[in-house]
Amino acid sequence: MTIRTNPSLGPSLDDVMPADGSWFDVNGTVSPQYGDVSFDEHGYKRVWATSAAALTAGAAIAIDDSGNATASAGGAYTAPVAVPAGGSFWAKAAAI
């Protein structure tokens, strides 16, 4: 399990939400929002993103301003776990 270093709500940094899933905070608001940022215990930036296409664990990805992740050889982030098409996940910065 990857530990979050800031007090944000939502799925674990290792969780993947399926296309038809969502996580709600105490007020019933979908949380986190795409583009939200968190940091893991090793100092890596994590961004909540979604992917239209399936991603393999370790795939290099790019994330646009709306939180959409796409496979990209020069991407600044990686998919830390396999992500199904339409899944939401915490993308991991490739470097600290």
PDB file of N, CA and C in Angstrom:
ATOM      1  N   MET A   1       0.849  -1.180   0.000  1.00  0.00           N
ATOM      2  CA  MET A   1       0.000   0.000   0.000  1.00  0.00           C
ATOM      3  C   MET A   1       0.886   1.232   0.000  1.00  0.00           C
ATOM      4  N   THR A   2       0.581   2.176  -0.860  1.00  0.00           N
ATOM      5  CA  THR A   2       1.308   3.437  -0.916  1.00  0.00           C
ATOM      6  C   THR A   2       0.651   4.419   0.034  1.00  0.00           C
ATOM      7  N   ILE A   3       1.452   5.102   0.813  1.00  0.00           N
ATOM      8  CA  ILE A   3       0.938   6.023   1.826  1.00  0.00           C
ATOM      9  C   ILE A   3       0.878   7.445   1.279  1.00  0.00           C
ATOM     10  N   ARG A   4      -0.238   8.101   1.531  1.00  0.00           N
ATOM     11  CA  ARG A   4      -0.459   9.495   1.134  1.00  0.00           C
ATOM     12  C   ARG A   4       0.148  10.401   2.202  1.00  0.00           C
ATOM     13  N   THR A   5       0.851  11.463   1.805  1.00  0.00           N
ATOM     14  CA  THR A   5       1.489  12.338   2.784  1.00  0.00           C
ATOM     15  C   THR A   5       0.706  13.610   3.047  1.00  0.00           C
ATOM     16  N   ASN A   6      -0.360  13.840   2.312  1.00  0.00           N
ATOM     17  CA  ASN A   6      -1.189  15.012   2.575  1.00  0.00           C
ATOM     18  C   ASN A   6      -2.598  14.539   2.923  1.00  0.00           C
ATOM     19  N   PRO A   7      -3.357  15.350   3.663  1.00  0.00           N
ATOM     20  CA  PRO A   7      -4.645  14.901   4.178  1.00  0.00           C
ATOM     21  C   PRO A   7      -5.794  15.030   3.176  1.00  0.00           C
ATOM     22  N   SER A   8      -5.682  14.381   2.030  1.00  0.00           N
ATOM     23  CA  SER A   8      -6.776  14.444   1.066  1.00  0.00           C
ATOM     24  C   SER A   8      -7.611  13.175   1.163  1.00  0.00           C
ATOM     25  N   LEU A   9      -8.875  13.302   0.787  1.00  0.00           N
ATOM     26  CA  LEU A   9      -9.775  12.162   0.826  1.00  0.00           C
ATOM     27  C   LEU A   9      -9.749  11.436  -0.503  1.00  0.00           C
ATOM     28  N   GLY A  10     -10.320  10.279  -0.521  1.00  0.00           N
ATOM     29  CA  GLY A  10     -10.464   9.560  -1.779  1.00  0.00           C
ATOM     30  C   GLY A  10      -9.823   8.201  -1.745  1.00  0.00           C
ATOM     31  N   PRO A  11      -9.838   7.555  -2.893  1.00  0.00           N
ATOM     32  CA  PRO A  11      -9.279   6.209  -2.994  1.00  0.00           C
ATOM     33  C   PRO A  11      -7.791   6.185  -2.675  1.00  0.00           C
ATOM     34  N   SER A  12      -7.327   5.039  -2.239  1.00  0.00           N
ATOM     35  CA  SER A  12      -5.906   4.839  -1.983  1.00  0.00           C
ATOM     36  C   SER A  12      -5.111   5.163  -3.241  1.00  0.00           C
ATOM     37  N   LEU A  13      -3.853   5.528  -3.079  1.00  0.00           N
ATOM     38  CA  LEU A  13      -3.008   5.861  -4.220  1.00  0.00           C
ATOM     39  C   LEU A  13      -2.754   4.662  -5.130  1.00  0.00           C
ATOM     40  N   ASP A  14      -3.079   3.458  -4.673  1.00  0.00           N
ATOM     41  CA  ASP A  14      -2.901   2.256  -5.485  1.00  0.00           C
ATOM     42  C   ASP A  14      -4.220   1.752  -6.079  1.00  0.00           C
ATOM     43  N   ASP A  15      -5.328   2.391  -5.750  1.00  0.00           N
ATOM     44  CA  ASP A  15      -6.636   1.942  -6.224  1.00  0.00           C
ATOM     45  C   ASP A  15      -6.930   2.425  -7.637  1.00  0.00           C
ATOM     46  N   VAL A  16      -7.728   1.638  -8.337  1.00  0.00           N
ATOM     47  CA  VAL A  16      -8.249   2.020  -9.651  1.00  0.00           C
ATOM     48  C   VAL A  16      -9.763   1.939  -9.557  1.00  0.00           C
ATOM     49  N   MET A  17     -10.428   3.020  -9.927  1.00  0.00           N
ATOM     50  CA  MET A  17     -11.887   3.015  -9.950  1.00  0.00           C
ATOM     51  C   MET A  17     -12.333   2.602 -11.347  1.00  0.00           C
ATOM     52  N   PRO A  18     -13.259   1.642 -11.463  1.00  0.00           N
ATOM     53  CA  PRO A  18     -13.742   1.252 -12.786  1.00  0.00           C
ATOM     54  C   PRO A  18     -14.557   2.380 -13.416  1.00  0.00           C
ATOM     55  N   ALA A  19     -14.821   2.262 -14.700  1.00  0.00           N
ATOM     56  CA  ALA A  19     -15.535   3.313 -15.433  1.00  0.00           C
ATOM     57  C   ALA A  19     -16.878   3.661 -14.796  1.00  0.00           C
ATOM     58  N   ASP A  20     -17.547   2.704 -14.198  1.00  0.00           N
ATOM     59  CA  ASP A  20     -18.859   2.961 -13.609  1.00  0.00           C
ATOM     60  C   ASP A  20     -18.792   3.197 -12.098  1.00  0.00           C
ATOM     61  N   GLY A  21     -17.605   3.414 -11.565  1.00  0.00           N
ATOM     62  CA  GLY A  21     -17.456   3.603 -10.128  1.00  0.00           C
ATOM     63  C   GLY A  21     -17.150   5.048  -9.761  1.00  0.00           C
ATOM     64  N   SER A  22     -17.396   5.393  -8.520  1.00  0.00           N
ATOM     65  CA  SER A  22     -17.027   6.711  -8.007  1.00  0.00           C
ATOM     66  C   SER A  22     -16.885   6.616  -6.498  1.00  0.00           C
ATOM     67  N   TRP A  23     -16.209   7.575  -5.933  1.00  0.00           N
ATOM     68  CA  TRP A  23     -15.979   7.646  -4.498  1.00  0.00           C
ATOM     69  C   TRP A  23     -16.537   8.982  -4.044  1.00  0.00           C
ATOM     70  N   PHE A  24     -17.319   8.994  -2.989  1.00  0.00           N
ATOM     71  CA  PHE A  24     -17.940  10.228  -2.514  1.00  0.00           C
ATOM     72  C   PHE A  24     -17.374  10.632  -1.166  1.00  0.00           C
ATOM     73  N   ASP A  25     -17.193  11.942  -0.953  1.00  0.00           N
ATOM     74  CA  ASP A  25     -16.734  12.421   0.349  1.00  0.00           C
ATOM     75  C   ASP A  25     -17.937  12.509   1.288  1.00  0.00           C
ATOM     76  N   VAL A  26     -17.732  13.029   2.482  1.00  0.00           N
ATOM     77  CA  VAL A  26     -18.791  13.054   3.491  1.00  0.00           C
ATOM     78  C   VAL A  26     -19.980  13.919   3.088  1.00  0.00           C
ATOM     79  N   ASN A  27     -19.788  14.875   2.175  1.00  0.00           N
ATOM     80  CA  ASN A  27     -20.885  15.734   1.727  1.00  0.00           C
ATOM     81  C   ASN A  27     -21.599  15.176   0.507  1.00  0.00           C
ATOM     82  N   GLY A  28     -21.195  13.986   0.035  1.00  0.00           N
ATOM     83  CA  GLY A  28     -21.819  13.385  -1.128  1.00  0.00           C
ATOM     84  C   GLY A  28     -21.288  13.901  -2.448  1.00  0.00           C
ATOM     85  N   THR A  29     -20.154  14.599  -2.405  1.00  0.00           N
ATOM     86  CA  THR A  29     -19.523  15.125  -3.606  1.00  0.00           C
ATOM     87  C   THR A  29     -18.516  14.106  -4.123  1.00  0.00           C
ATOM     88  N   VAL A  30     -18.485  13.927  -5.453  1.00  0.00           N
ATOM     89  CA  VAL A  30     -17.486  13.022  -6.022  1.00  0.00           C
ATOM     90  C   VAL A  30     -16.100  13.579  -5.687  1.00  0.00           C
ATOM     91  N   SER A  31     -15.272  12.742  -5.136  1.00  0.00           N
ATOM     92  CA  SER A  31     -13.939  13.160  -4.720  1.00  0.00           C
ATOM     93  C   SER A  31     -12.989  11.989  -4.951  1.00  0.00           C
ATOM     94  N   PRO A  32     -11.801  12.178  -5.415  1.00  0.00           N
ATOM     95  CA  PRO A  32     -11.216  13.453  -5.833  1.00  0.00           C
ATOM     96  C   PRO A  32     -11.720  13.866  -7.221  1.00  0.00           C
ATOM     97  N   GLN A  33     -11.457  15.115  -7.564  1.00  0.00           N
ATOM     98  CA  GLN A  33     -11.787  15.642  -8.887  1.00  0.00           C
ATOM     99  C   GLN A  33     -10.601  15.380  -9.806  1.00  0.00           C
ATOM    100  N   TYR A  34     -10.861  15.200 -11.097  1.00  0.00           N
ATOM    101  CA  TYR A  34      -9.761  14.979 -12.038  1.00  0.00           C
ATOM    102  C   TYR A  34      -8.804  16.164 -11.998  1.00  0.00           C
ATOM    103  N   GLY A  35      -7.523  15.860 -11.917  1.00  0.00           N
ATOM    104  CA  GLY A  35      -6.490  16.882 -11.816  1.00  0.00           C
ATOM    105  C   GLY A  35      -6.055  17.158 -10.385  1.00  0.00           C
ATOM    106  N   ASP A  36      -6.786  16.611  -9.381  1.00  0.00           N
ATOM    107  CA  ASP A  36      -6.366  16.786  -7.989  1.00  0.00           C
ATOM    108  C   ASP A  36      -4.990  16.163  -7.802  1.00  0.00           C
ATOM    109  N   VAL A  37      -4.219  16.756  -6.901  1.00  0.00           N
ATOM    110  CA  VAL A  37      -2.830  16.337  -6.673  1.00  0.00           C
ATOM    111  C   VAL A  37      -2.659  15.801  -5.262  1.00  0.00           C
ATOM    112  N   SER A  38      -1.857  14.780  -5.123  1.00  0.00           N
ATOM    113  CA  SER A  38      -1.457  14.221  -3.840  1.00  0.00           C
ATOM    114  C   SER A  38       0.019  13.849  -3.956  1.00  0.00           C
ATOM    115  N   PHE A  39       0.634  13.496  -2.852  1.00  0.00           N
ATOM    116  CA  PHE A  39       2.034  13.074  -2.849  1.00  0.00           C
ATOM    117  C   PHE A  39       2.152  11.786  -2.052  1.00  0.00           C
ATOM    118  N   ASP A  40       3.011  10.872  -2.532  1.00  0.00           N
ATOM    119  CA  ASP A  40       3.191   9.627  -1.795  1.00  0.00           C
ATOM    120  C   ASP A  40       4.354   9.747  -0.817  1.00  0.00           C
ATOM    121  N   GLU A  41       4.597   8.679  -0.064  1.00  0.00           N
ATOM    122  CA  GLU A  41       5.622   8.719   0.993  1.00  0.00           C
ATOM    123  C   GLU A  41       7.042   8.860   0.466  1.00  0.00           C
ATOM    124  N   HIS A  42       7.232   8.677  -0.825  1.00  0.00           N
ATOM    125  CA  HIS A  42       8.566   8.818  -1.417  1.00  0.00           C
ATOM    126  C   HIS A  42       8.755  10.182  -2.084  1.00  0.00           C
ATOM    127  N   GLY A  43       7.729  11.031  -2.004  1.00  0.00           N
ATOM    128  CA  GLY A  43       7.808  12.371  -2.564  1.00  0.00           C
ATOM    129  C   GLY A  43       7.323  12.494  -3.995  1.00  0.00           C
ATOM    130  N   TYR A  44       6.801  11.407  -4.573  1.00  0.00           N
ATOM    131  CA  TYR A  44       6.306  11.470  -5.952  1.00  0.00           C
ATOM    132  C   TYR A  44       4.949  12.150  -6.006  1.00  0.00           C
ATOM    133  N   LYS A  45       4.797  13.051  -6.954  1.00  0.00           N
ATOM    134  CA  LYS A  45       3.516  13.713  -7.195  1.00  0.00           C
ATOM    135  C   LYS A  45       2.573  12.699  -7.828  1.00  0.00           C
ATOM    136  N   ARG A  46       1.324  12.702  -7.377  1.00  0.00           N
ATOM    137  CA  ARG A  46       0.276  11.849  -7.944  1.00  0.00           C
ATOM    138  C   ARG A  46      -0.856  12.750  -8.417  1.00  0.00           C
ATOM    139  N   VAL A  47      -1.407  12.463  -9.577  1.00  0.00           N
ATOM    140  CA  VAL A  47      -2.508  13.237 -10.142  1.00  0.00           C
ATOM    141  C   VAL A  47      -3.666  12.289 -10.430  1.00  0.00           C
ATOM    142  N   TRP A  48      -4.880  12.659  -9.969  1.00  0.00           N
ATOM    143  CA  TRP A  48      -6.061  11.848 -10.224  1.00  0.00           C
ATOM    144  C   TRP A  48      -6.448  12.028 -11.689  1.00  0.00           C
ATOM    145  N   ALA A  49      -6.481  10.939 -12.428  1.00  0.00           N
ATOM    146  CA  ALA A  49      -6.704  10.987 -13.865  1.00  0.00           C
ATOM    147  C   ALA A  49      -7.646   9.873 -14.308  1.00  0.00           C
ATOM    148  N   THR A  50      -8.095   9.964 -15.546  1.00  0.00           N
ATOM    149  CA  THR A  50      -8.919   8.927 -16.158  1.00  0.00           C
ATOM    150  C   THR A  50      -8.347   8.604 -17.528  1.00  0.00           C
ATOM    151  N   SER A  51      -8.584   7.401 -17.986  1.00  0.00           N
ATOM    152  CA  SER A  51      -8.047   6.988 -19.278  1.00  0.00           C
ATOM    153  C   SER A  51      -9.137   6.335 -20.118  1.00  0.00           C
ATOM    154  N   ALA A  52      -9.308   6.801 -21.354  1.00  0.00           N
ATOM    155  CA  ALA A  52     -10.298   6.204 -22.255  1.00  0.00           C
ATOM    156  C   ALA A  52      -9.845   4.819 -22.697  1.00  0.00           C
ATOM    157  N   ALA A  53      -8.542   4.634 -22.826  1.00  0.00           N
ATOM    158  CA  ALA A  53      -7.993   3.343 -23.267  1.00  0.00           C
ATOM    159  C   ALA A  53      -7.324   2.641 -22.088  1.00  0.00           C
ATOM    160  N   ALA A  54      -7.268   1.327 -22.164  1.00  0.00           N
ATOM    161  CA  ALA A  54      -6.588   0.562 -21.110  1.00  0.00           C
ATOM    162  C   ALA A  54      -5.101   0.904 -21.094  1.00  0.00           C
ATOM    163  N   LEU A  55      -4.515   0.928 -19.897  1.00  0.00           N
ATOM    164  CA  LEU A  55      -3.088   1.206 -19.723  1.00  0.00           C
ATOM    165  C   LEU A  55      -2.445   0.042 -18.979  1.00  0.00           C
ATOM    166  N   THR A  56      -1.228  -0.299 -19.341  1.00  0.00           N
ATOM    167  CA  THR A  56      -0.504  -1.335 -18.617  1.00  0.00           C
ATOM    168  C   THR A  56       0.269  -0.699 -17.467  1.00  0.00           C
ATOM    169  N   ALA A  57       0.521  -1.465 -16.442  1.00  0.00           N
ATOM    170  CA  ALA A  57       1.306  -0.968 -15.307  1.00  0.00           C
ATOM    171  C   ALA A  57       2.677  -0.527 -15.808  1.00  0.00           C
ATOM    172  N   GLY A  58       3.092   0.659 -15.422  1.00  0.00           N
ATOM    173  CA  GLY A  58       4.388   1.191 -15.812  1.00  0.00           C
ATOM    174  C   GLY A  58       4.373   1.969 -17.112  1.00  0.00           C
ATOM    175  N   ALA A  59       3.223   2.022 -17.792  1.00  0.00           N
ATOM    176  CA  ALA A  59       3.134   2.742 -19.066  1.00  0.00           C
ATOM    177  C   ALA A  59       3.393   4.234 -18.867  1.00  0.00           C
ATOM    178  N   ALA A  60       4.172   4.838 -19.758  1.00  0.00           N
ATOM    179  CA  ALA A  60       4.387   6.282 -19.745  1.00  0.00           C
ATOM    180  C   ALA A  60       3.120   6.950 -20.271  1.00  0.00           C
ATOM    181  N   ILE A  61       2.683   8.006 -19.582  1.00  0.00           N
ATOM    182  CA  ILE A  61       1.456   8.688 -19.979  1.00  0.00           C
ATOM    183  C   ILE A  61       1.610  10.202 -19.894  1.00  0.00           C
ATOM    184  N   ALA A  62       0.765  10.876 -20.646  1.00  0.00           N
ATOM    185  CA  ALA A  62       0.644  12.330 -20.567  1.00  0.00           C
ATOM    186  C   ALA A  62      -0.751  12.614 -20.009  1.00  0.00           C
ATOM    187  N   ILE A  63      -0.901  13.701 -19.270  1.00  0.00           N
ATOM    188  CA  ILE A  63      -2.188  14.075 -18.684  1.00  0.00           C
ATOM    189  C   ILE A  63      -2.509  15.495 -19.115  1.00  0.00           C
ATOM    190  N   ASP A  64      -3.722  15.695 -19.682  1.00  0.00           N
ATOM    191  CA  ASP A  64      -4.108  17.046 -20.089  1.00  0.00           C
ATOM    192  C   ASP A  64      -4.708  17.807 -18.903  1.00  0.00           C
ATOM    193  N   ASP A  65      -5.109  19.054 -19.132  1.00  0.00           N
ATOM    194  CA  ASP A  65      -5.622  19.902 -18.056  1.00  0.00           C
ATOM    195  C   ASP A  65      -6.945  19.427 -17.474  1.00  0.00           C
ATOM    196  N   SER A  66      -7.625  18.533 -18.177  1.00  0.00           N
ATOM    197  CA  SER A  66      -8.894  17.991 -17.689  1.00  0.00           C
ATOM    198  C   SER A  66      -8.716  16.668 -16.949  1.00  0.00           C
ATOM    199  N   GLY A  67      -7.483  16.198 -16.818  1.00  0.00           N
ATOM    200  CA  GLY A  67      -7.211  14.952 -16.113  1.00  0.00           C
ATOM    201  C   GLY A  67      -7.328  13.714 -16.976  1.00  0.00           C
ATOM    202  N   ASN A  68      -7.292  13.882 -18.307  1.00  0.00           N
ATOM    203  CA  ASN A  68      -7.351  12.738 -19.220  1.00  0.00           C
ATOM    204  C   ASN A  68      -5.949  12.220 -19.493  1.00  0.00           C
ATOM    205  N   ALA A  69      -5.737  10.940 -19.228  1.00  0.00           N
ATOM    206  CA  ALA A  69      -4.424  10.318 -19.428  1.00  0.00           C
ATOM    207  C   ALA A  69      -4.401   9.566 -20.754  1.00  0.00           C
ATOM    208  N   THR A  70      -3.305   9.709 -21.478  1.00  0.00           N
ATOM    209  CA  THR A  70      -3.112   8.965 -22.725  1.00  0.00           C
ATOM    210  C   THR A  70      -1.693   8.424 -22.742  1.00  0.00           C
ATOM    211  N   ALA A  71      -1.532   7.242 -23.343  1.00  0.00           N
ATOM    212  CA  ALA A  71      -0.199   6.657 -23.471  1.00  0.00           C
ATOM    213  C   ALA A  71       0.668   7.601 -24.295  1.00  0.00           C
ATOM    214  N   SER A  72       1.878   7.846 -23.823  1.00  0.00           N
ATOM    215  CA  SER A  72       2.781   8.772 -24.503  1.00  0.00           C
ATOM    216  C   SER A  72       4.211   8.423 -24.110  1.00  0.00           C
ATOM    217  N   ALA A  73       5.024   8.063 -25.090  1.00  0.00           N
ATOM    218  CA  ALA A  73       6.412   7.670 -24.810  1.00  0.00           C
ATOM    219  C   ALA A  73       7.163   8.766 -24.060  1.00  0.00           C
ATOM    220  N   GLY A  74       6.838  10.017 -24.293  1.00  0.00           N
ATOM    221  CA  GLY A  74       7.516  11.126 -23.621  1.00  0.00           C
ATOM    222  C   GLY A  74       6.739  11.685 -22.450  1.00  0.00           C
ATOM    223  N   GLY A  75       5.736  10.948 -21.973  1.00  0.00           N
ATOM    224  CA  GLY A  75       4.882  11.443 -20.894  1.00  0.00           C
ATOM    225  C   GLY A  75       5.632  11.633 -19.587  1.00  0.00           C
ATOM    226  N   ALA A  76       5.183  12.603 -18.802  1.00  0.00           N
ATOM    227  CA  ALA A  76       5.819  12.929 -17.526  1.00  0.00           C
ATOM    228  C   ALA A  76       5.292  12.086 -16.371  1.00  0.00           C
ATOM    229  N   TYR A  77       4.310  11.219 -16.633  1.00  0.00           N
ATOM    230  CA  TYR A  77       3.702  10.390 -15.601  1.00  0.00           C
ATOM    231  C   TYR A  77       3.718   8.936 -16.024  1.00  0.00           C
ATOM    232  N   THR A  78       3.441   8.045 -15.073  1.00  0.00           N
ATOM    233  CA  THR A  78       3.296   6.626 -15.368  1.00  0.00           C
ATOM    234  C   THR A  78       2.000   6.121 -14.740  1.00  0.00           C
ATOM    235  N   ALA A  79       1.512   5.021 -15.271  1.00  0.00           N
ATOM    236  CA  ALA A  79       0.393   4.317 -14.660  1.00  0.00           C
ATOM    237  C   ALA A  79       1.019   3.322 -13.683  1.00  0.00           C
ATOM    238  N   PRO A  80       0.909   3.546 -12.370  1.00  0.00           N
ATOM    239  CA  PRO A  80       1.575   2.656 -11.419  1.00  0.00           C
ATOM    240  C   PRO A  80       0.975   1.255 -11.357  1.00  0.00           C
ATOM    241  N   VAL A  81      -0.247   1.117 -11.821  1.00  0.00           N
ATOM    242  CA  VAL A  81      -0.937  -0.173 -11.872  1.00  0.00           C
ATOM    243  C   VAL A  81      -1.661  -0.261 -13.210  1.00  0.00           C
ATOM    244  N   ALA A  82      -2.094  -1.453 -13.597  1.00  0.00           N
ATOM    245  CA  ALA A  82      -2.876  -1.595 -14.825  1.00  0.00           C
ATOM    246  C   ALA A  82      -4.220  -0.884 -14.649  1.00  0.00           C
ATOM    247  N   VAL A  83      -4.647  -0.184 -15.690  1.00  0.00           N
ATOM    248  CA  VAL A  83      -5.895   0.590 -15.643  1.00  0.00           C
ATOM    249  C   VAL A  83      -6.785   0.130 -16.798  1.00  0.00           C
ATOM    250  N   PRO A  84      -8.028  -0.268 -16.505  1.00  0.00           N
ATOM    251  CA  PRO A  84      -8.929  -0.669 -17.595  1.00  0.00           C
ATOM    252  C   PRO A  84      -9.433   0.562 -18.346  1.00  0.00           C
ATOM    253  N   ALA A  85      -9.926   0.367 -19.545  1.00  0.00           N
ATOM    254  CA  ALA A  85     -10.498   1.476 -20.313  1.00  0.00           C
ATOM    255  C   ALA A  85     -11.586   2.157 -19.489  1.00  0.00           C
ATOM    256  N   GLY A  86     -11.517   3.474 -19.398  1.00  0.00           N
ATOM    257  CA  GLY A  86     -12.494   4.235 -18.625  1.00  0.00           C
ATOM    258  C   GLY A  86     -12.190   4.312 -17.144  1.00  0.00           C
ATOM    259  N   GLY A  87     -11.114   3.685 -16.698  1.00  0.00           N
ATOM    260  CA  GLY A  87     -10.771   3.673 -15.281  1.00  0.00           C
ATOM    261  C   GLY A  87     -10.156   4.984 -14.818  1.00  0.00           C
ATOM    262  N   SER A  88     -10.287   5.251 -13.527  1.00  0.00           N
ATOM    263  CA  SER A  88      -9.682   6.432 -12.904  1.00  0.00           C
ATOM    264  C   SER A  88      -8.642   5.955 -11.914  1.00  0.00           C
ATOM    265  N   PHE A  89      -7.552   6.703 -11.784  1.00  0.00           N
ATOM    266  CA  PHE A  89      -6.423   6.248 -10.976  1.00  0.00           C
ATOM    267  C   PHE A  89      -5.523   7.424 -10.611  1.00  0.00           C
ATOM    268  N   TRP A  90      -4.606   7.169  -9.675  1.00  0.00           N
ATOM    269  CA  TRP A  90      -3.603   8.163  -9.296  1.00  0.00           C
ATOM    270  C   TRP A  90      -2.362   7.944 -10.154  1.00  0.00           C
ATOM    271  N   ALA A  91      -2.191   8.761 -11.195  1.00  0.00           N
ATOM    272  CA  ALA A  91      -0.992   8.684 -12.030  1.00  0.00           C
ATOM    273  C   ALA A  91       0.204   9.129 -11.193  1.00  0.00           C
ATOM    274  N   LYS A  92       1.350   8.563 -11.469  1.00  0.00           N
ATOM    275  CA  LYS A  92       2.564   8.853 -10.699  1.00  0.00           C
ATOM    276  C   LYS A  92       3.571   9.588 -11.566  1.00  0.00           C
ATOM    277  N   ALA A  93       4.115  10.696 -11.035  1.00  0.00           N
ATOM    278  CA  ALA A  93       5.157  11.426 -11.767  1.00  0.00           C
ATOM    279  C   ALA A  93       6.324  10.500 -12.014  1.00  0.00           C
ATOM    280  N   ALA A  94       6.920  10.597 -13.205  1.00  0.00           N
ATOM    281  CA  ALA A  94       8.047   9.728 -13.556  1.00  0.00           C
ATOM    282  C   ALA A  94       9.295  10.073 -12.750  1.00  0.00           C
ATOM    283  N   ALA A  95       9.386  11.301 -12.268  1.00  0.00           N
ATOM    284  CA  ALA A  95      10.542  11.742 -11.471  1.00  0.00           C
ATOM    285  C   ALA A  95      10.044  12.623 -10.328  1.00  0.00           C
ATOM    286  N   ILE A  96      10.817  12.678  -9.259  1.00  0.00           N
ATOM    287  CA  ILE A  96      10.427  13.515  -8.105  1.00  0.00           C
ATOM    288  C   ILE A  96      10.649  14.974  -8.452  1.00  0.00           C
TER     289      ILE A  96
END
